[in-house]
Amino acid sequence: MPAIRKNSFAARLVDNSKNYLFIIPAVTLFSIFYVYPFYEIFNLSLHQWNGISPHRTFVGFANFQELFSDKIWWQSMWHAGFITIIALTLQNALAFMLALACDRQIRLKKFYRVVFFIPPVLSEIVVGLIWQWILYAGMQSGEHIGLLNYLLVKTGWPQLVHNWLSDPKTALACIAVVHCWKGFGWGFIMLLAGLQTIDGQLYEAAKVDGAGSWNQFRHITIPMMVPVLLVVMILTVLGSMQVFILILSMVGQGLGYHTEVPVTRILDAMIGTNRFGYACAMSVTFGAILIGISAFFKILSNRMKQA
């Protein structure tokens, strides 16, 4: 009997060892490219370093203390939050409506799917430069060069002509709208895929019971789409909070703090002031905030599934 148990334990040990061998490459890559860099960034956040000198000055949590009183940093967080709120509402609402339209039997729906997915695959730099030209407020030979202001003048709305990207009151809103225009295609594809997984027999049964289009949408479409909607919302939040290439290509850093977001603030600390330790402290804080947001949506998703 003890021999059998010993052999059984040895067999389980061998089986478990074989299973661990399959995940060792993934764990190794994850450790090299994620765990160790995060450790090194956190370590740098505890030092004062200019990025060049081999010597670092240990300052403890002084960088984090300075960060919590940095008004510009929290202002950049608010800017990113504003862009995220616009994306969660405008971008996802547009994506959901277009997905609902293309899920129905309409003409040229395959063509629409391709067209709606063009903006996300374009380079952010290209999109930023195109929209910079559209929103440009300059004039040449007495006429506006920017497409939007030119159209406003030609269609009889000269009072609406504006310096869209030069005015701090409108620059961030323009960036948020352009970000939504570029990113709605990802949500559209995911939501359309989710709609196509809903069994059509549910709608047929609802029709037999006398349910109208609104009741079908409220009691069938929405409940079945909750998991997909939550995933789209998480990806929207993470993508919108980290936007910066679009901002650099549209306005650069000419407006100073009016279009500052966390990533551009981190970049400015690294390149502008050579404070790599402070930049790492901002990176760690920003990463912790994003992890917290993801955890919140995960908990929300689990509770909604249980309900």
C-alpha atoms as a PDB file:
ATOM      1  CA  MET A   1       0.000   0.000   0.000  1.00  0.00           C
ATOM      2  CA  PRO A   2       2.747   2.584   0.836  1.00  0.00           C
ATOM      3  CA  ALA A   3       4.543   1.640  -2.373  1.00  0.00           C
ATOM      4  CA  ILE A   4       1.399   2.317  -4.390  1.00  0.00           C
ATOM      5  CA  ARG A   5       0.989   5.697  -2.732  1.00  0.00           C
ATOM      6  CA  LYS A   6       4.637   6.495  -3.366  1.00  0.00           C
ATOM      7  CA  ASN A   7       4.301   5.581  -7.038  1.00  0.00           C
ATOM      8  CA  SER A   8       1.107   7.594  -7.295  1.00  0.00           C
ATOM      9  CA  PHE A   9       2.801  10.654  -5.765  1.00  0.00           C
ATOM     10  CA  ALA A  10       5.781  10.237  -8.089  1.00  0.00           C
ATOM     11  CA  ALA A  11       3.472   9.967 -11.098  1.00  0.00           C
ATOM     12  CA  ARG A  12       1.639  13.158 -10.106  1.00  0.00           C
ATOM     13  CA  LEU A  13       4.949  14.917  -9.597  1.00  0.00           C
ATOM     14  CA  VAL A  14       6.131  13.895 -13.058  1.00  0.00           C
ATOM     15  CA  ASP A  15       2.836  14.995 -14.640  1.00  0.00           C
ATOM     16  CA  ASN A  16       2.946  18.359 -12.874  1.00  0.00           C
ATOM     17  CA  SER A  17       6.564  18.850 -13.897  1.00  0.00           C
ATOM     18  CA  LYS A  18       5.619  18.249 -17.539  1.00  0.00           C
ATOM     19  CA  ASN A  19       2.793  20.775 -17.265  1.00  0.00           C
ATOM     20  CA  TYR A  20       5.112  23.394 -15.763  1.00  0.00           C
ATOM     21  CA  LEU A  21       7.572  22.862 -18.616  1.00  0.00           C
ATOM     22  CA  PHE A  22       4.958  24.187 -21.062  1.00  0.00           C
ATOM     23  CA  ILE A  23       4.458  27.465 -19.186  1.00  0.00           C
ATOM     24  CA  ILE A  24       8.114  28.114 -18.360  1.00  0.00           C
ATOM     25  CA  PRO A  25       8.814  29.909 -21.719  1.00  0.00           C
ATOM     26  CA  ALA A  26       5.797  32.200 -21.258  1.00  0.00           C
ATOM     27  CA  VAL A  27       6.675  32.920 -17.619  1.00  0.00           C
ATOM     28  CA  THR A  28      10.280  33.621 -18.605  1.00  0.00           C
ATOM     29  CA  LEU A  29       9.296  36.087 -21.322  1.00  0.00           C
ATOM     30  CA  PHE A  30       6.766  37.744 -19.015  1.00  0.00           C
ATOM     31  CA  SER A  31       9.391  38.106 -16.302  1.00  0.00           C
ATOM     32  CA  ILE A  32      12.010  39.530 -18.660  1.00  0.00           C
ATOM     33  CA  PHE A  33       9.804  42.004 -20.492  1.00  0.00           C
ATOM     34  CA  TYR A  34       7.265  42.920 -17.782  1.00  0.00           C
ATOM     35  CA  VAL A  35       8.262  42.007 -14.226  1.00  0.00           C
ATOM     36  CA  TYR A  36      11.914  43.086 -14.392  1.00  0.00           C
ATOM     37  CA  PRO A  37      11.202  46.387 -16.260  1.00  0.00           C
ATOM     38  CA  PHE A  38       8.522  47.254 -13.704  1.00  0.00           C
ATOM     39  CA  TYR A  39      10.932  46.519 -10.868  1.00  0.00           C
ATOM     40  CA  GLU A  40      13.618  48.658 -12.524  1.00  0.00           C
ATOM     41  CA  ILE A  41      11.183  51.543 -13.093  1.00  0.00           C
ATOM     42  CA  PHE A  42      10.064  51.423  -9.474  1.00  0.00           C
ATOM     43  CA  ASN A  43      13.690  51.327  -8.377  1.00  0.00           C
ATOM     44  CA  LEU A  44      14.476  54.366 -10.548  1.00  0.00           C
ATOM     45  CA  SER A  45      11.480  56.205  -9.066  1.00  0.00           C
ATOM     46  CA  LEU A  46      13.277  56.110  -5.719  1.00  0.00           C
ATOM     47  CA  HIS A  47      16.338  57.843  -7.161  1.00  0.00           C
ATOM     48  CA  GLN A  48      17.307  61.133  -8.727  1.00  0.00           C
ATOM     49  CA  TRP A  49      18.909  60.468 -12.102  1.00  0.00           C
ATOM     50  CA  ASN A  50      19.504  62.481 -15.268  1.00  0.00           C
ATOM     51  CA  GLY A  51      19.439  59.460 -17.591  1.00  0.00           C
ATOM     52  CA  ILE A  52      23.127  59.719 -18.544  1.00  0.00           C
ATOM     53  CA  SER A  53      25.279  59.685 -15.441  1.00  0.00           C
ATOM     54  CA  PRO A  54      26.180  56.241 -14.044  1.00  0.00           C
ATOM     55  CA  HIS A  55      25.535  57.557 -10.547  1.00  0.00           C
ATOM     56  CA  ARG A  56      22.093  57.762  -9.013  1.00  0.00           C
ATOM     57  CA  THR A  57      21.096  59.624  -5.865  1.00  0.00           C
ATOM     58  CA  PHE A  58      18.712  57.753  -3.598  1.00  0.00           C
ATOM     59  CA  VAL A  59      15.858  60.027  -2.498  1.00  0.00           C
ATOM     60  CA  GLY A  60      13.321  57.499  -1.246  1.00  0.00           C
ATOM     61  CA  PHE A  61       9.710  58.524  -1.831  1.00  0.00           C
ATOM     62  CA  ALA A  62      10.552  62.192  -2.386  1.00  0.00           C
ATOM     63  CA  ASN A  63       9.551  61.949  -6.069  1.00  0.00           C
ATOM     64  CA  PHE A  64       6.133  60.585  -5.109  1.00  0.00           C
ATOM     65  CA  GLN A  65       5.665  63.297  -2.496  1.00  0.00           C
ATOM     66  CA  GLU A  66       6.451  65.939  -5.082  1.00  0.00           C
ATOM     67  CA  LEU A  67       4.127  64.257  -7.565  1.00  0.00           C
ATOM     68  CA  PHE A  68       1.120  64.378  -5.242  1.00  0.00           C
ATOM     69  CA  SER A  69       1.512  68.163  -4.988  1.00  0.00           C
ATOM     70  CA  ASP A  70       2.179  68.635  -8.720  1.00  0.00           C
ATOM     71  CA  LYS A  71      -0.840  70.545 -10.022  1.00  0.00           C
ATOM     72  CA  ILE A  72       0.241  70.142 -13.637  1.00  0.00           C
ATOM     73  CA  TRP A  73       0.298  66.349 -13.269  1.00  0.00           C
ATOM     74  CA  TRP A  74      -3.226  66.206 -11.851  1.00  0.00           C
ATOM     75  CA  GLN A  75      -4.371  68.650 -14.513  1.00  0.00           C
ATOM     76  CA  SER A  76      -3.013  66.251 -17.130  1.00  0.00           C
ATOM     77  CA  MET A  77      -4.946  63.439 -15.425  1.00  0.00           C
ATOM     78  CA  TRP A  78      -8.108  65.515 -15.724  1.00  0.00           C
ATOM     79  CA  HIS A  79      -7.429  66.091 -19.427  1.00  0.00           C
ATOM     80  CA  ALA A  80      -7.005  62.351 -19.995  1.00  0.00           C
ATOM     81  CA  GLY A  81     -10.169  61.722 -17.984  1.00  0.00           C
ATOM     82  CA  PHE A  82     -12.082  64.228 -20.134  1.00  0.00           C
ATOM     83  CA  ILE A  83     -10.959  62.478 -23.330  1.00  0.00           C
ATOM     84  CA  THR A  84     -11.890  59.112 -21.774  1.00  0.00           C
ATOM     85  CA  ILE A  85     -15.393  60.278 -20.812  1.00  0.00           C
ATOM     86  CA  ILE A  86     -16.016  61.560 -24.342  1.00  0.00           C
ATOM     87  CA  ALA A  87     -14.753  58.251 -25.753  1.00  0.00           C
ATOM     88  CA  LEU A  88     -16.904  56.157 -23.401  1.00  0.00           C
ATOM     89  CA  THR A  89     -20.031  58.052 -24.415  1.00  0.00           C
ATOM     90  CA  LEU A  90     -19.669  59.413 -27.948  1.00  0.00           C
ATOM     91  CA  GLN A  91     -17.270  56.823 -29.382  1.00  0.00           C
ATOM     92  CA  ASN A  92     -18.933  53.718 -27.952  1.00  0.00           C
ATOM     93  CA  ALA A  93     -22.449  54.992 -28.631  1.00  0.00           C
ATOM     94  CA  LEU A  94     -21.513  55.587 -32.278  1.00  0.00           C
ATOM     95  CA  ALA A  95     -19.849  52.178 -32.515  1.00  0.00           C
ATOM     96  CA  PHE A  96     -22.886  50.433 -30.998  1.00  0.00           C
ATOM     97  CA  MET A  97     -25.366  52.174 -33.298  1.00  0.00           C
ATOM     98  CA  LEU A  98     -23.331  51.346 -36.395  1.00  0.00           C
ATOM     99  CA  ALA A  99     -22.910  47.744 -35.219  1.00  0.00           C
ATOM    100  CA  LEU A 100     -26.678  47.436 -34.769  1.00  0.00           C
ATOM    101  CA  ALA A 101     -27.221  48.853 -38.256  1.00  0.00           C
ATOM    102  CA  CYS A 102     -24.722  46.511 -39.916  1.00  0.00           C
ATOM    103  CA  ASP A 103     -26.078  43.516 -38.000  1.00  0.00           C
ATOM    104  CA  ARG A 104     -29.371  43.908 -39.829  1.00  0.00           C
ATOM    105  CA  GLN A 105     -29.994  42.825 -43.393  1.00  0.00           C
ATOM    106  CA  ILE A 106     -29.083  46.055 -45.174  1.00  0.00           C
ATOM    107  CA  ARG A 107     -27.503  46.633 -48.545  1.00  0.00           C
ATOM    108  CA  LEU A 108     -23.726  47.066 -48.783  1.00  0.00           C
ATOM    109  CA  LYS A 109     -23.218  46.124 -45.130  1.00  0.00           C
ATOM    110  CA  LYS A 110     -19.910  44.394 -45.983  1.00  0.00           C
ATOM    111  CA  PHE A 111     -18.748  47.623 -47.600  1.00  0.00           C
ATOM    112  CA  TYR A 112     -19.705  49.584 -44.479  1.00  0.00           C
ATOM    113  CA  ARG A 113     -17.735  47.180 -42.296  1.00  0.00           C
ATOM    114  CA  VAL A 114     -14.604  47.884 -44.302  1.00  0.00           C
ATOM    115  CA  VAL A 115     -15.159  51.652 -44.360  1.00  0.00           C
ATOM    116  CA  PHE A 116     -15.818  51.874 -40.617  1.00  0.00           C
ATOM    117  CA  PHE A 117     -12.615  49.994 -39.870  1.00  0.00           C
ATOM    118  CA  ILE A 118     -10.375  52.266 -41.958  1.00  0.00           C
ATOM    119  CA  PRO A 119      -9.730  54.968 -39.277  1.00  0.00           C
ATOM    120  CA  PRO A 120      -8.330  52.562 -36.625  1.00  0.00           C
ATOM    121  CA  VAL A 121      -5.749  51.079 -38.998  1.00  0.00           C
ATOM    122  CA  LEU A 122      -4.410  54.487 -40.015  1.00  0.00           C
ATOM    123  CA  SER A 123      -1.308  55.817 -38.305  1.00  0.00           C
ATOM    124  CA  GLU A 124      -2.046  58.221 -35.454  1.00  0.00           C
ATOM    125  CA  ILE A 125       0.528  60.638 -36.864  1.00  0.00           C
ATOM    126  CA  VAL A 126      -1.191  60.615 -40.259  1.00  0.00           C
ATOM    127  CA  VAL A 127      -4.614  61.101 -38.661  1.00  0.00           C
ATOM    128  CA  GLY A 128      -3.280  63.935 -36.504  1.00  0.00           C
ATOM    129  CA  LEU A 129      -1.715  65.756 -39.452  1.00  0.00           C
ATOM    130  CA  ILE A 130      -4.872  65.363 -41.561  1.00  0.00           C
ATOM    131  CA  TRP A 131      -7.075  66.772 -38.814  1.00  0.00           C
ATOM    132  CA  GLN A 132      -4.544  69.504 -38.141  1.00  0.00           C
ATOM    133  CA  TRP A 133      -5.067  70.629 -41.733  1.00  0.00           C
ATOM    134  CA  ILE A 134      -8.861  70.336 -41.402  1.00  0.00           C
ATOM    135  CA  LEU A 135      -8.936  72.438 -38.218  1.00  0.00           C
ATOM    136  CA  TYR A 136      -6.178  74.864 -39.238  1.00  0.00           C
ATOM    137  CA  ALA A 137      -7.116  78.527 -38.763  1.00  0.00           C
ATOM    138  CA  GLY A 138      -4.494  80.188 -40.983  1.00  0.00           C
ATOM    139  CA  MET A 139      -5.267  82.288 -44.059  1.00  0.00           C
ATOM    140  CA  GLN A 140      -3.628  82.760 -47.433  1.00  0.00           C
ATOM    141  CA  SER A 141      -4.587  85.379 -50.046  1.00  0.00           C
ATOM    142  CA  GLY A 142      -7.531  86.406 -47.889  1.00  0.00           C
ATOM    143  CA  GLU A 143      -9.021  82.903 -47.677  1.00  0.00           C
ATOM    144  CA  HIS A 144      -8.880  80.284 -44.954  1.00  0.00           C
ATOM    145  CA  ILE A 145      -6.567  77.340 -45.606  1.00  0.00           C
ATOM    146  CA  GLY A 146      -8.142  75.039 -43.011  1.00  0.00           C
ATOM    147  CA  LEU A 147     -10.915  72.926 -44.522  1.00  0.00           C
ATOM    148  CA  LEU A 148     -13.424  73.396 -41.690  1.00  0.00           C
ATOM    149  CA  ASN A 149     -13.158  77.200 -41.551  1.00  0.00           C
ATOM    150  CA  TYR A 150     -13.180  77.357 -45.369  1.00  0.00           C
ATOM    151  CA  LEU A 151     -16.438  75.372 -45.485  1.00  0.00           C
ATOM    152  CA  LEU A 152     -17.970  77.505 -42.742  1.00  0.00           C
ATOM    153  CA  VAL A 153     -17.267  80.664 -44.732  1.00  0.00           C
ATOM    154  CA  LYS A 154     -18.485  79.221 -48.043  1.00  0.00           C
ATOM    155  CA  THR A 155     -21.717  77.888 -46.507  1.00  0.00           C
ATOM    156  CA  GLY A 156     -22.635  81.192 -44.870  1.00  0.00           C
ATOM    157  CA  TRP A 157     -21.430  80.629 -41.311  1.00  0.00           C
ATOM    158  CA  PRO A 158     -18.435  82.973 -41.029  1.00  0.00           C
ATOM    159  CA  GLN A 159     -19.315  83.754 -37.401  1.00  0.00           C
ATOM    160  CA  LEU A 160     -18.366  80.168 -36.491  1.00  0.00           C
ATOM    161  CA  VAL A 161     -14.814  80.470 -37.821  1.00  0.00           C
ATOM    162  CA  HIS A 162     -12.444  79.752 -34.972  1.00  0.00           C
ATOM    163  CA  ASN A 163      -8.849  78.957 -34.025  1.00  0.00           C
ATOM    164  CA  TRP A 164      -9.820  75.427 -33.092  1.00  0.00           C
ATOM    165  CA  LEU A 165      -6.411  74.062 -32.106  1.00  0.00           C
ATOM    166  CA  SER A 166      -4.953  77.333 -30.809  1.00  0.00           C
ATOM    167  CA  ASP A 167      -7.728  78.154 -28.359  1.00  0.00           C
ATOM    168  CA  PRO A 168      -7.302  76.384 -24.990  1.00  0.00           C
ATOM    169  CA  LYS A 169     -11.109  76.252 -24.678  1.00  0.00           C
ATOM    170  CA  THR A 170     -11.582  74.153 -27.829  1.00  0.00           C
ATOM    171  CA  ALA A 171      -8.244  72.374 -28.364  1.00  0.00           C
ATOM    172  CA  LEU A 172      -8.882  69.524 -25.914  1.00  0.00           C
ATOM    173  CA  ALA A 173     -12.437  69.000 -27.163  1.00  0.00           C
ATOM    174  CA  CYS A 174     -11.187  68.792 -30.760  1.00  0.00           C
ATOM    175  CA  ILE A 175      -8.567  66.232 -29.733  1.00  0.00           C
ATOM    176  CA  ALA A 176     -11.239  64.178 -27.934  1.00  0.00           C
ATOM    177  CA  VAL A 177     -13.508  64.177 -31.001  1.00  0.00           C
ATOM    178  CA  VAL A 178     -10.667  63.184 -33.336  1.00  0.00           C
ATOM    179  CA  HIS A 179      -9.665  60.428 -30.911  1.00  0.00           C
ATOM    180  CA  CYS A 180     -13.247  59.121 -30.991  1.00  0.00           C
ATOM    181  CA  TRP A 181     -13.313  59.260 -34.786  1.00  0.00           C
ATOM    182  CA  LYS A 182     -10.134  57.235 -35.009  1.00  0.00           C
ATOM    183  CA  GLY A 183     -11.004  54.674 -32.335  1.00  0.00           C
ATOM    184  CA  PHE A 184     -14.680  53.856 -32.876  1.00  0.00           C
ATOM    185  CA  GLY A 185     -13.838  51.188 -35.474  1.00  0.00           C
ATOM    186  CA  TRP A 186     -12.333  48.841 -32.870  1.00  0.00           C
ATOM    187  CA  GLY A 187     -15.473  48.987 -30.754  1.00  0.00           C
ATOM    188  CA  PHE A 188     -17.599  48.611 -33.877  1.00  0.00           C
ATOM    189  CA  ILE A 189     -15.887  45.352 -34.870  1.00  0.00           C
ATOM    190  CA  MET A 190     -16.083  43.878 -31.358  1.00  0.00           C
ATOM    191  CA  LEU A 191     -19.702  44.890 -30.823  1.00  0.00           C
ATOM    192  CA  LEU A 192     -20.714  43.596 -34.246  1.00  0.00           C
ATOM    193  CA  ALA A 193     -19.053  40.254 -33.469  1.00  0.00           C
ATOM    194  CA  GLY A 194     -20.944  40.143 -30.172  1.00  0.00           C
ATOM    195  CA  LEU A 195     -24.274  40.891 -31.833  1.00  0.00           C
ATOM    196  CA  GLN A 196     -23.749  38.078 -34.326  1.00  0.00           C
ATOM    197  CA  THR A 197     -23.333  35.547 -31.497  1.00  0.00           C
ATOM    198  CA  ILE A 198     -26.871  36.190 -30.204  1.00  0.00           C
ATOM    199  CA  ASP A 199     -29.186  33.363 -31.227  1.00  0.00           C
ATOM    200  CA  GLY A 200     -31.828  34.611 -33.658  1.00  0.00           C
ATOM    201  CA  GLN A 201     -34.378  32.240 -32.151  1.00  0.00           C
ATOM    202  CA  LEU A 202     -34.510  34.459 -29.067  1.00  0.00           C
ATOM    203  CA  TYR A 203     -35.817  37.332 -31.166  1.00  0.00           C
ATOM    204  CA  GLU A 204     -38.283  35.068 -32.963  1.00  0.00           C
ATOM    205  CA  ALA A 205     -39.640  33.790 -29.658  1.00  0.00           C
ATOM    206  CA  ALA A 206     -39.940  37.354 -28.396  1.00  0.00           C
ATOM    207  CA  LYS A 207     -41.909  38.343 -31.502  1.00  0.00           C
ATOM    208  CA  VAL A 208     -44.278  35.429 -30.963  1.00  0.00           C
ATOM    209  CA  ASP A 209     -44.849  36.662 -27.412  1.00  0.00           C
ATOM    210  CA  GLY A 210     -45.688  40.106 -28.782  1.00  0.00           C
ATOM    211  CA  ALA A 211     -42.489  41.939 -27.807  1.00  0.00           C
ATOM    212  CA  GLY A 212     -41.712  45.002 -29.886  1.00  0.00           C
ATOM    213  CA  SER A 213     -38.323  46.188 -31.127  1.00  0.00           C
ATOM    214  CA  TRP A 214     -37.617  48.226 -28.001  1.00  0.00           C
ATOM    215  CA  ASN A 215     -38.466  45.363 -25.624  1.00  0.00           C
ATOM    216  CA  GLN A 216     -36.322  42.986 -27.682  1.00  0.00           C
ATOM    217  CA  PHE A 217     -33.439  45.409 -27.495  1.00  0.00           C
ATOM    218  CA  ARG A 218     -33.859  45.990 -23.751  1.00  0.00           C
ATOM    219  CA  HIS A 219     -34.471  42.395 -22.649  1.00  0.00           C
ATOM    220  CA  ILE A 220     -32.389  40.421 -25.169  1.00  0.00           C
ATOM    221  CA  THR A 221     -29.729  42.530 -26.886  1.00  0.00           C
ATOM    222  CA  ILE A 222     -28.488  44.505 -23.877  1.00  0.00           C
ATOM    223  CA  PRO A 223     -28.250  41.570 -21.406  1.00  0.00           C
ATOM    224  CA  MET A 224     -26.507  39.374 -23.974  1.00  0.00           C
ATOM    225  CA  MET A 225     -24.078  42.155 -24.896  1.00  0.00           C
ATOM    226  CA  VAL A 226     -23.045  43.101 -21.345  1.00  0.00           C
ATOM    227  CA  PRO A 227     -19.773  41.061 -21.356  1.00  0.00           C
ATOM    228  CA  VAL A 228     -18.737  42.512 -24.728  1.00  0.00           C
ATOM    229  CA  LEU A 229     -19.704  46.033 -23.685  1.00  0.00           C
ATOM    230  CA  LEU A 230     -17.572  45.763 -20.558  1.00  0.00           C
ATOM    231  CA  VAL A 231     -14.547  44.598 -22.555  1.00  0.00           C
ATOM    232  CA  VAL A 232     -15.004  47.471 -25.005  1.00  0.00           C
ATOM    233  CA  MET A 233     -15.296  49.918 -22.112  1.00  0.00           C
ATOM    234  CA  ILE A 234     -12.103  48.610 -20.472  1.00  0.00           C
ATOM    235  CA  LEU A 235     -10.144  48.865 -23.731  1.00  0.00           C
ATOM    236  CA  THR A 236     -11.587  52.331 -24.357  1.00  0.00           C
ATOM    237  CA  VAL A 237     -10.516  53.578 -20.934  1.00  0.00           C
ATOM    238  CA  LEU A 238      -7.013  52.136 -21.196  1.00  0.00           C
ATOM    239  CA  GLY A 239      -6.513  53.419 -24.748  1.00  0.00           C
ATOM    240  CA  SER A 240      -7.932  56.894 -24.069  1.00  0.00           C
ATOM    241  CA  MET A 241      -5.974  57.439 -20.859  1.00  0.00           C
ATOM    242  CA  GLN A 242      -2.728  56.678 -22.720  1.00  0.00           C
ATOM    243  CA  VAL A 243      -3.347  58.832 -25.794  1.00  0.00           C
ATOM    244  CA  PHE A 244      -0.420  61.086 -26.688  1.00  0.00           C
ATOM    245  CA  ILE A 245       0.775  60.509 -30.280  1.00  0.00           C
ATOM    246  CA  LEU A 246      -2.405  62.088 -31.620  1.00  0.00           C
ATOM    247  CA  ILE A 247      -1.851  65.128 -29.400  1.00  0.00           C
ATOM    248  CA  LEU A 248       1.773  65.539 -30.432  1.00  0.00           C
ATOM    249  CA  SER A 249       0.895  65.320 -34.143  1.00  0.00           C
ATOM    250  CA  MET A 250      -2.015  67.780 -33.862  1.00  0.00           C
ATOM    251  CA  VAL A 251      -0.767  70.477 -31.486  1.00  0.00           C
ATOM    252  CA  GLY A 252       2.680  69.363 -30.368  1.00  0.00           C
ATOM    253  CA  GLN A 253       3.418  71.005 -27.046  1.00  0.00           C
ATOM    254  CA  GLY A 254       2.715  74.518 -28.230  1.00  0.00           C
ATOM    255  CA  LEU A 255      -0.315  74.995 -26.002  1.00  0.00           C
ATOM    256  CA  GLY A 256       1.642  74.062 -22.925  1.00  0.00           C
ATOM    257  CA  TYR A 257      -0.541  72.714 -20.153  1.00  0.00           C
ATOM    258  CA  HIS A 258      -3.891  73.061 -21.920  1.00  0.00           C
ATOM    259  CA  THR A 259      -3.504  69.770 -23.806  1.00  0.00           C
ATOM    260  CA  GLU A 260      -1.136  68.033 -21.383  1.00  0.00           C
ATOM    261  CA  VAL A 261      -1.914  64.369 -20.665  1.00  0.00           C
ATOM    262  CA  PRO A 262      -0.029  61.963 -18.366  1.00  0.00           C
ATOM    263  CA  VAL A 263       2.127  60.415 -21.100  1.00  0.00           C
ATOM    264  CA  THR A 264       3.218  63.790 -22.499  1.00  0.00           C
ATOM    265  CA  ARG A 265       3.920  64.938 -18.937  1.00  0.00           C
ATOM    266  CA  ILE A 266       6.146  61.887 -18.394  1.00  0.00           C
ATOM    267  CA  LEU A 267       7.855  62.514 -21.726  1.00  0.00           C
ATOM    268  CA  ASP A 268       8.480  66.147 -20.805  1.00  0.00           C
ATOM    269  CA  ALA A 269      10.045  65.118 -17.473  1.00  0.00           C
ATOM    270  CA  MET A 270      12.413  62.769 -19.319  1.00  0.00           C
ATOM    271  CA  ILE A 271      13.378  64.926 -22.296  1.00  0.00           C
ATOM    272  CA  GLY A 272      12.626  68.433 -21.130  1.00  0.00           C
ATOM    273  CA  THR A 273      14.121  68.408 -17.627  1.00  0.00           C
ATOM    274  CA  ASN A 274      16.158  65.153 -17.610  1.00  0.00           C
ATOM    275  CA  ARG A 275      14.422  64.011 -14.427  1.00  0.00           C
ATOM    276  CA  PHE A 276      14.168  60.300 -15.133  1.00  0.00           C
ATOM    277  CA  GLY A 277      13.495  59.402 -11.500  1.00  0.00           C
ATOM    278  CA  TYR A 278      10.534  61.770 -11.353  1.00  0.00           C
ATOM    279  CA  ALA A 279       9.289  60.457 -14.715  1.00  0.00           C
ATOM    280  CA  CYS A 280       9.447  56.900 -13.360  1.00  0.00           C
ATOM    281  CA  ALA A 281       7.478  57.975 -10.278  1.00  0.00           C
ATOM    282  CA  MET A 282       4.778  59.354 -12.587  1.00  0.00           C
ATOM    283  CA  SER A 283       4.846  56.138 -14.622  1.00  0.00           C
ATOM    284  CA  VAL A 284       4.409  53.941 -11.542  1.00  0.00           C
ATOM    285  CA  THR A 285       1.549  56.110 -10.264  1.00  0.00           C
ATOM    286  CA  PHE A 286      -0.126  56.193 -13.661  1.00  0.00           C
ATOM    287  CA  GLY A 287       0.238  52.410 -14.032  1.00  0.00           C
ATOM    288  CA  ALA A 288      -1.293  51.865 -10.581  1.00  0.00           C
ATOM    289  CA  ILE A 289      -4.257  54.055 -11.553  1.00  0.00           C
ATOM    290  CA  LEU A 290      -4.821  52.077 -14.768  1.00  0.00           C
ATOM    291  CA  ILE A 291      -4.571  48.780 -12.879  1.00  0.00           C
ATOM    292  CA  GLY A 292      -7.122  50.067 -10.381  1.00  0.00           C
ATOM    293  CA  ILE A 293      -9.509  51.052 -13.182  1.00  0.00           C
ATOM    294  CA  SER A 294      -9.131  47.626 -14.805  1.00  0.00           C
ATOM    295  CA  ALA A 295      -9.757  45.899 -11.466  1.00  0.00           C
ATOM    296  CA  PHE A 296     -12.901  47.991 -10.950  1.00  0.00           C
ATOM    297  CA  PHE A 297     -14.310  46.973 -14.328  1.00  0.00           C
ATOM    298  CA  LYS A 298     -13.370  43.339 -13.651  1.00  0.00           C
ATOM    299  CA  ILE A 299     -15.261  43.355 -10.354  1.00  0.00           C
ATOM    300  CA  LEU A 300     -18.192  45.074 -12.051  1.00  0.00           C
ATOM    301  CA  SER A 301     -18.171  42.448 -14.805  1.00  0.00           C
ATOM    302  CA  ASN A 302     -18.171  39.556 -12.308  1.00  0.00           C
ATOM    303  CA  ARG A 303     -21.081  41.040 -10.349  1.00  0.00           C
ATOM    304  CA  MET A 304     -23.133  41.650 -13.487  1.00  0.00           C
ATOM    305  CA  LYS A 305     -22.518  38.064 -14.620  1.00  0.00           C
ATOM    306  CA  GLN A 306     -23.673  36.752 -11.237  1.00  0.00           C
ATOM    307  CA  ALA A 307     -26.769  38.921 -11.407  1.00  0.00           C
END
